[in-house]
Each structure stands twice: as C-alpha cells, then as structure tokens.
Amino acid sequence: MAQTDPVVQTYEAAARLSRQMLVAAQRGEWEVLIDLENQRASVLSNMMAEKNRGAIPDSIAEQVLGLINSILAMDTETRALTVLWSGELHQLLGSIDTERKLSQAYGP
C-alpha cells in the first residue's frame, strides 16, 4: 500500500471540509458551515505556515491541481448558496422591521 504524500493529504483534508461546507449550505446549516470554514482555514493556514514545503513535486502536481479545482468549484457553489440565503435573510429582516414600525405607528 502506497503512502499518500503529506501535501496531498492536506489538500484532501481541505477538499473534504469544502464538501462538508457545501452540504451544510445546501441544508441551511449556517452555524455548521461557519465551524467547517474555520476548520478549513486552520488546515490551509497550517499548510501555508510550513516554510519548508517548496515547490509541489511533479509526481503529485496533477493530483493537487485537481483537488484545488474541486475546492474552488465547491466554494463557488457554497458562495452562491450563502448569497441567496443572505438575500432571503435581508428580506426577512426588512419585513420584520416594517412590521415593527407599523406596530409602533398604529399600536396593537
């Protein structure tokens, strides 16, 4: 059994978290999404902090590129869902504010 390169393992971890983030966004689980986003940021931050990494070896470059493209695609989908949710939340808050103003103006 071949051992997976640590660089690939890091990108695979980021891709798994990105997939979980997308699923959370699809389900409207916004607190879960935020937690997963923080976890992924930590993984990526640790990866960037390792100064001894150097260039990605040619032997894994194609695999890493595929993982990066997958992460970016999932991020695009997740972002679209969060923008949609943000718009819905804005409308809801606007209608609550309007209802409150009407209640204050005309009383119960």
N, C-alpha and C. Protein backbone atom coordinates (compact mmCIF):
# COMPACT_ATOMS: atom_id res chain seq x y z
N MET A 1 0.84 -1.17 0.00
CA MET A 1 0.00 0.00 0.00
C MET A 1 0.89 1.24 0.00
N ALA A 2 0.69 2.10 -0.97
CA ALA A 2 1.49 3.32 -1.10
C ALA A 2 1.04 4.37 -0.10
N GLN A 3 2.00 5.07 0.44
CA GLN A 3 1.71 6.14 1.40
C GLN A 3 1.39 7.41 0.63
N THR A 4 0.33 8.11 1.03
CA THR A 4 -0.06 9.34 0.37
C THR A 4 0.86 10.47 0.84
N ASP A 5 1.25 11.30 -0.09
CA ASP A 5 2.12 12.44 0.19
C ASP A 5 1.41 13.38 1.17
N PRO A 6 2.15 13.93 2.15
CA PRO A 6 1.54 14.85 3.13
C PRO A 6 0.89 16.08 2.49
N VAL A 7 1.46 16.55 1.38
CA VAL A 7 0.86 17.70 0.69
C VAL A 7 -0.51 17.31 0.15
N VAL A 8 -0.59 16.14 -0.46
CA VAL A 8 -1.86 15.64 -0.99
C VAL A 8 -2.85 15.44 0.15
N GLN A 9 -2.37 14.90 1.26
CA GLN A 9 -3.26 14.70 2.42
C GLN A 9 -3.85 16.02 2.90
N THR A 10 -3.05 17.07 2.90
CA THR A 10 -3.55 18.38 3.33
C THR A 10 -4.62 18.90 2.39
N TYR A 11 -4.37 18.80 1.10
CA TYR A 11 -5.37 19.24 0.12
C TYR A 11 -6.62 18.37 0.16
N GLU A 12 -6.44 17.08 0.41
CA GLU A 12 -7.60 16.19 0.53
C GLU A 12 -8.44 16.58 1.75
N ALA A 13 -7.76 16.93 2.85
CA ALA A 13 -8.48 17.38 4.05
C ALA A 13 -9.27 18.66 3.75
N ALA A 14 -8.64 19.59 3.05
CA ALA A 14 -9.32 20.84 2.68
C ALA A 14 -10.50 20.54 1.76
N ALA A 15 -10.34 19.60 0.84
CA ALA A 15 -11.43 19.24 -0.07
C ALA A 15 -12.58 18.59 0.69
N ARG A 16 -12.28 17.73 1.65
CA ARG A 16 -13.34 17.10 2.47
C ARG A 16 -14.12 18.17 3.23
N LEU A 17 -13.40 19.10 3.82
CA LEU A 17 -14.07 20.18 4.55
C LEU A 17 -14.89 21.06 3.61
N SER A 18 -14.38 21.30 2.41
CA SER A 18 -15.13 22.08 1.43
C SER A 18 -16.42 21.37 1.05
N ARG A 19 -16.36 20.05 0.88
CA ARG A 19 -17.56 19.26 0.55
C ARG A 19 -18.56 19.35 1.71
N GLN A 20 -18.08 19.23 2.94
CA GLN A 20 -18.97 19.34 4.10
C GLN A 20 -19.57 20.73 4.20
N MET A 21 -18.79 21.74 3.85
CA MET A 21 -19.31 23.12 3.85
C MET A 21 -20.44 23.27 2.84
N LEU A 22 -20.26 22.70 1.66
CA LEU A 22 -21.28 22.77 0.63
C LEU A 22 -22.56 22.07 1.08
N VAL A 23 -22.42 20.91 1.68
CA VAL A 23 -23.59 20.18 2.18
C VAL A 23 -24.30 20.99 3.26
N ALA A 24 -23.53 21.60 4.16
CA ALA A 24 -24.13 22.42 5.21
C ALA A 24 -24.89 23.60 4.61
N ALA A 25 -24.32 24.23 3.59
CA ALA A 25 -25.00 25.35 2.93
C ALA A 25 -26.27 24.87 2.24
N GLN A 26 -26.21 23.71 1.59
CA GLN A 26 -27.40 23.17 0.93
C GLN A 26 -28.52 22.88 1.93
N ARG A 27 -28.14 22.50 3.13
CA ARG A 27 -29.12 22.19 4.18
C ARG A 27 -29.52 23.41 5.00
N GLY A 28 -28.86 24.54 4.74
CA GLY A 28 -29.16 25.74 5.52
C GLY A 28 -28.63 25.67 6.93
N GLU A 29 -27.59 24.89 7.14
CA GLU A 29 -26.97 24.74 8.47
C GLU A 29 -25.82 25.74 8.58
N TRP A 30 -26.17 26.99 8.82
CA TRP A 30 -25.21 28.07 8.73
C TRP A 30 -24.17 28.05 9.84
N GLU A 31 -24.54 27.65 11.05
CA GLU A 31 -23.57 27.56 12.14
C GLU A 31 -22.56 26.46 11.86
N VAL A 32 -23.03 25.35 11.30
CA VAL A 32 -22.14 24.25 10.93
C VAL A 32 -21.19 24.72 9.84
N LEU A 33 -21.72 25.45 8.87
CA LEU A 33 -20.89 25.97 7.78
C LEU A 33 -19.77 26.85 8.33
N ILE A 34 -20.08 27.71 9.26
CA ILE A 34 -19.08 28.60 9.83
C ILE A 34 -18.01 27.80 10.56
N ASP A 35 -18.42 26.80 11.33
CA ASP A 35 -17.45 25.95 12.04
C ASP A 35 -16.54 25.23 11.06
N LEU A 36 -17.11 24.67 10.00
CA LEU A 36 -16.32 23.98 8.99
C LEU A 36 -15.37 24.92 8.27
N GLU A 37 -15.84 26.12 8.00
CA GLU A 37 -15.00 27.12 7.34
C GLU A 37 -13.79 27.46 8.21
N ASN A 38 -14.01 27.57 9.50
CA ASN A 38 -12.91 27.84 10.44
C ASN A 38 -11.93 26.68 10.47
N GLN A 39 -12.45 25.45 10.45
CA GLN A 39 -11.58 24.28 10.44
C GLN A 39 -10.72 24.26 9.17
N ARG A 40 -11.35 24.54 8.04
CA ARG A 40 -10.61 24.54 6.77
C ARG A 40 -9.57 25.65 6.75
N ALA A 41 -9.93 26.81 7.27
CA ALA A 41 -8.98 27.93 7.32
C ALA A 41 -7.75 27.53 8.15
N SER A 42 -7.97 26.80 9.22
CA SER A 42 -6.87 26.33 10.05
C SER A 42 -5.97 25.36 9.28
N VAL A 43 -6.58 24.44 8.55
CA VAL A 43 -5.81 23.49 7.75
C VAL A 43 -4.96 24.23 6.72
N LEU A 44 -5.57 25.16 6.02
CA LEU A 44 -4.86 25.91 4.98
C LEU A 44 -3.80 26.84 5.57
N SER A 45 -4.10 27.42 6.72
CA SER A 45 -3.14 28.29 7.39
C SER A 45 -1.90 27.50 7.82
N ASN A 46 -2.13 26.32 8.38
CA ASN A 46 -1.00 25.48 8.79
C ASN A 46 -0.16 25.08 7.58
N MET A 47 -0.82 24.79 6.49
CA MET A 47 -0.11 24.41 5.28
C MET A 47 0.76 25.58 4.79
N MET A 48 0.21 26.77 4.78
CA MET A 48 0.94 27.94 4.29
C MET A 48 2.09 28.31 5.24
N ALA A 49 1.95 27.99 6.52
CA ALA A 49 2.96 28.34 7.50
C ALA A 49 4.22 27.47 7.39
N GLU A 50 4.09 26.32 6.79
CA GLU A 50 5.23 25.42 6.65
C GLU A 50 6.16 25.95 5.56
N LYS A 51 7.24 26.53 5.98
CA LYS A 51 8.15 27.20 5.04
C LYS A 51 9.02 26.21 4.27
N ASN A 52 9.11 24.99 4.73
CA ASN A 52 9.98 24.02 4.09
C ASN A 52 9.31 23.29 2.93
N ARG A 53 8.10 23.69 2.62
CA ARG A 53 7.36 22.98 1.56
C ARG A 53 8.04 23.07 0.21
N GLY A 54 8.39 24.25 -0.21
CA GLY A 54 8.96 24.42 -1.53
C GLY A 54 7.92 24.16 -2.60
N ALA A 55 8.40 23.85 -3.77
CA ALA A 55 7.52 23.61 -4.91
C ALA A 55 6.86 22.23 -4.76
N ILE A 56 5.68 22.12 -5.32
CA ILE A 56 4.97 20.84 -5.32
C ILE A 56 5.66 19.93 -6.33
N PRO A 57 6.03 18.73 -5.89
CA PRO A 57 6.72 17.81 -6.81
C PRO A 57 5.85 17.48 -8.02
N ASP A 58 6.49 17.31 -9.16
CA ASP A 58 5.77 16.97 -10.39
C ASP A 58 4.93 15.71 -10.24
N SER A 59 5.40 14.78 -9.41
CA SER A 59 4.71 13.50 -9.26
C SER A 59 3.31 13.64 -8.67
N ILE A 60 3.06 14.74 -7.96
CA ILE A 60 1.73 14.94 -7.35
C ILE A 60 1.04 16.20 -7.85
N ALA A 61 1.69 16.94 -8.72
CA ALA A 61 1.16 18.24 -9.16
C ALA A 61 -0.23 18.12 -9.78
N GLU A 62 -0.42 17.11 -10.62
CA GLU A 62 -1.73 16.95 -11.27
C GLU A 62 -2.82 16.62 -10.24
N GLN A 63 -2.49 15.79 -9.28
CA GLN A 63 -3.45 15.43 -8.23
C GLN A 63 -3.81 16.65 -7.39
N VAL A 64 -2.80 17.44 -7.02
CA VAL A 64 -3.03 18.65 -6.23
C VAL A 64 -3.86 19.65 -7.02
N LEU A 65 -3.55 19.81 -8.29
CA LEU A 65 -4.32 20.73 -9.14
C LEU A 65 -5.78 20.30 -9.20
N GLY A 66 -6.04 19.01 -9.33
CA GLY A 66 -7.41 18.51 -9.33
C GLY A 66 -8.13 18.83 -8.03
N LEU A 67 -7.42 18.67 -6.91
CA LEU A 67 -8.02 18.97 -5.61
C LEU A 67 -8.30 20.46 -5.47
N ILE A 68 -7.37 21.30 -5.91
CA ILE A 68 -7.58 22.75 -5.86
C ILE A 68 -8.79 23.15 -6.70
N ASN A 69 -8.88 22.60 -7.91
CA ASN A 69 -10.03 22.91 -8.77
C ASN A 69 -11.33 22.45 -8.14
N SER A 70 -11.31 21.31 -7.49
CA SER A 70 -12.50 20.80 -6.81
C SER A 70 -12.90 21.72 -5.66
N ILE A 71 -11.92 22.16 -4.88
CA ILE A 71 -12.18 23.08 -3.76
C ILE A 71 -12.78 24.38 -4.29
N LEU A 72 -12.20 24.92 -5.35
CA LEU A 72 -12.70 26.17 -5.92
C LEU A 72 -14.13 26.02 -6.44
N ALA A 73 -14.42 24.89 -7.08
CA ALA A 73 -15.78 24.66 -7.59
C ALA A 73 -16.79 24.57 -6.45
N MET A 74 -16.41 23.85 -5.40
CA MET A 74 -17.32 23.74 -4.24
C MET A 74 -17.50 25.09 -3.56
N ASP A 75 -16.42 25.87 -3.49
CA ASP A 75 -16.52 27.21 -2.90
C ASP A 75 -17.47 28.09 -3.70
N THR A 76 -17.43 27.98 -5.01
CA THR A 76 -18.33 28.76 -5.86
C THR A 76 -19.78 28.40 -5.58
N GLU A 77 -20.06 27.11 -5.47
CA GLU A 77 -21.43 26.67 -5.16
C GLU A 77 -21.85 27.12 -3.77
N THR A 78 -20.95 26.98 -2.81
CA THR A 78 -21.26 27.39 -1.43
C THR A 78 -21.53 28.88 -1.37
N ARG A 79 -20.70 29.65 -2.04
CA ARG A 79 -20.87 31.11 -2.06
C ARG A 79 -22.22 31.49 -2.67
N ALA A 80 -22.61 30.83 -3.74
CA ALA A 80 -23.90 31.12 -4.37
C ALA A 80 -25.05 30.86 -3.40
N LEU A 81 -24.95 29.78 -2.65
CA LEU A 81 -25.99 29.46 -1.68
C LEU A 81 -26.02 30.47 -0.53
N THR A 82 -24.84 30.92 -0.09
CA THR A 82 -24.82 31.88 1.01
C THR A 82 -25.32 33.24 0.56
N VAL A 83 -25.05 33.61 -0.70
CA VAL A 83 -25.57 34.88 -1.23
C VAL A 83 -27.09 34.82 -1.30
N LEU A 84 -27.62 33.70 -1.76
CA LEU A 84 -29.07 33.51 -1.82
C LEU A 84 -29.68 33.61 -0.42
N TRP A 85 -29.08 32.92 0.54
CA TRP A 85 -29.56 32.95 1.92
C TRP A 85 -29.47 34.36 2.50
N SER A 86 -28.39 35.06 2.19
CA SER A 86 -28.21 36.42 2.68
C SER A 86 -29.33 37.32 2.16
N GLY A 87 -29.69 37.16 0.90
CA GLY A 87 -30.78 37.95 0.33
C GLY A 87 -32.10 37.64 1.01
N GLU A 88 -32.34 36.35 1.27
CA GLU A 88 -33.58 35.96 1.95
C GLU A 88 -33.61 36.51 3.37
N LEU A 89 -32.47 36.46 4.05
CA LEU A 89 -32.39 36.99 5.41
C LEU A 89 -32.62 38.49 5.41
N HIS A 90 -32.05 39.17 4.45
CA HIS A 90 -32.23 40.63 4.35
C HIS A 90 -33.71 40.97 4.16
N GLN A 91 -34.41 40.22 3.30
CA GLN A 91 -35.84 40.45 3.08
C GLN A 91 -36.63 40.18 4.35
N LEU A 92 -36.29 39.10 5.04
CA LEU A 92 -36.99 38.76 6.28
C LEU A 92 -36.79 39.85 7.33
N LEU A 93 -35.55 40.28 7.49
CA LEU A 93 -35.28 41.34 8.47
C LEU A 93 -35.97 42.63 8.08
N GLY A 94 -36.04 42.93 6.80
CA GLY A 94 -36.74 44.12 6.33
C GLY A 94 -38.22 44.05 6.64
N SER A 95 -38.83 42.86 6.45
CA SER A 95 -40.26 42.75 6.73
C SER A 95 -40.53 42.80 8.23
N ILE A 96 -39.60 42.27 9.04
CA ILE A 96 -39.76 42.35 10.50
C ILE A 96 -39.67 43.80 10.94
N ASP A 97 -38.72 44.53 10.36
CA ASP A 97 -38.56 45.94 10.70
C ASP A 97 -39.79 46.74 10.29
N THR A 98 -40.33 46.45 9.12
CA THR A 98 -41.55 47.14 8.66
C THR A 98 -42.71 46.83 9.58
N GLU A 99 -42.84 45.57 9.97
CA GLU A 99 -43.93 45.18 10.88
C GLU A 99 -43.80 45.90 12.22
N ARG A 100 -42.57 45.99 12.72
CA ARG A 100 -42.33 46.68 13.99
C ARG A 100 -42.69 48.16 13.87
N LYS A 101 -42.30 48.79 12.78
CA LYS A 101 -42.61 50.19 12.57
C LYS A 101 -44.12 50.42 12.48
N LEU A 102 -44.83 49.53 11.78
CA LEU A 102 -46.27 49.66 11.68
C LEU A 102 -46.94 49.47 13.05
N SER A 103 -46.41 48.53 13.80
CA SER A 103 -46.97 48.29 15.13
C SER A 103 -46.76 49.51 16.04
N GLN A 104 -45.58 50.11 15.94
CA GLN A 104 -45.32 51.29 16.75
C GLN A 104 -46.18 52.48 16.30
N ALA A 105 -46.39 52.59 15.01
CA ALA A 105 -47.15 53.73 14.47
C ALA A 105 -48.64 53.59 14.78
N TYR A 106 -49.18 52.39 14.66
CA TYR A 106 -50.63 52.23 14.77
C TYR A 106 -51.03 51.50 16.03
N GLY A 107 -50.08 50.95 16.76
CA GLY A 107 -50.40 50.26 18.01
C GLY A 107 -51.14 48.96 17.79
N PRO A 108 -51.23 48.18 18.84
CA PRO A 108 -51.94 46.90 18.75
C PRO A 108 -53.45 47.09 18.74
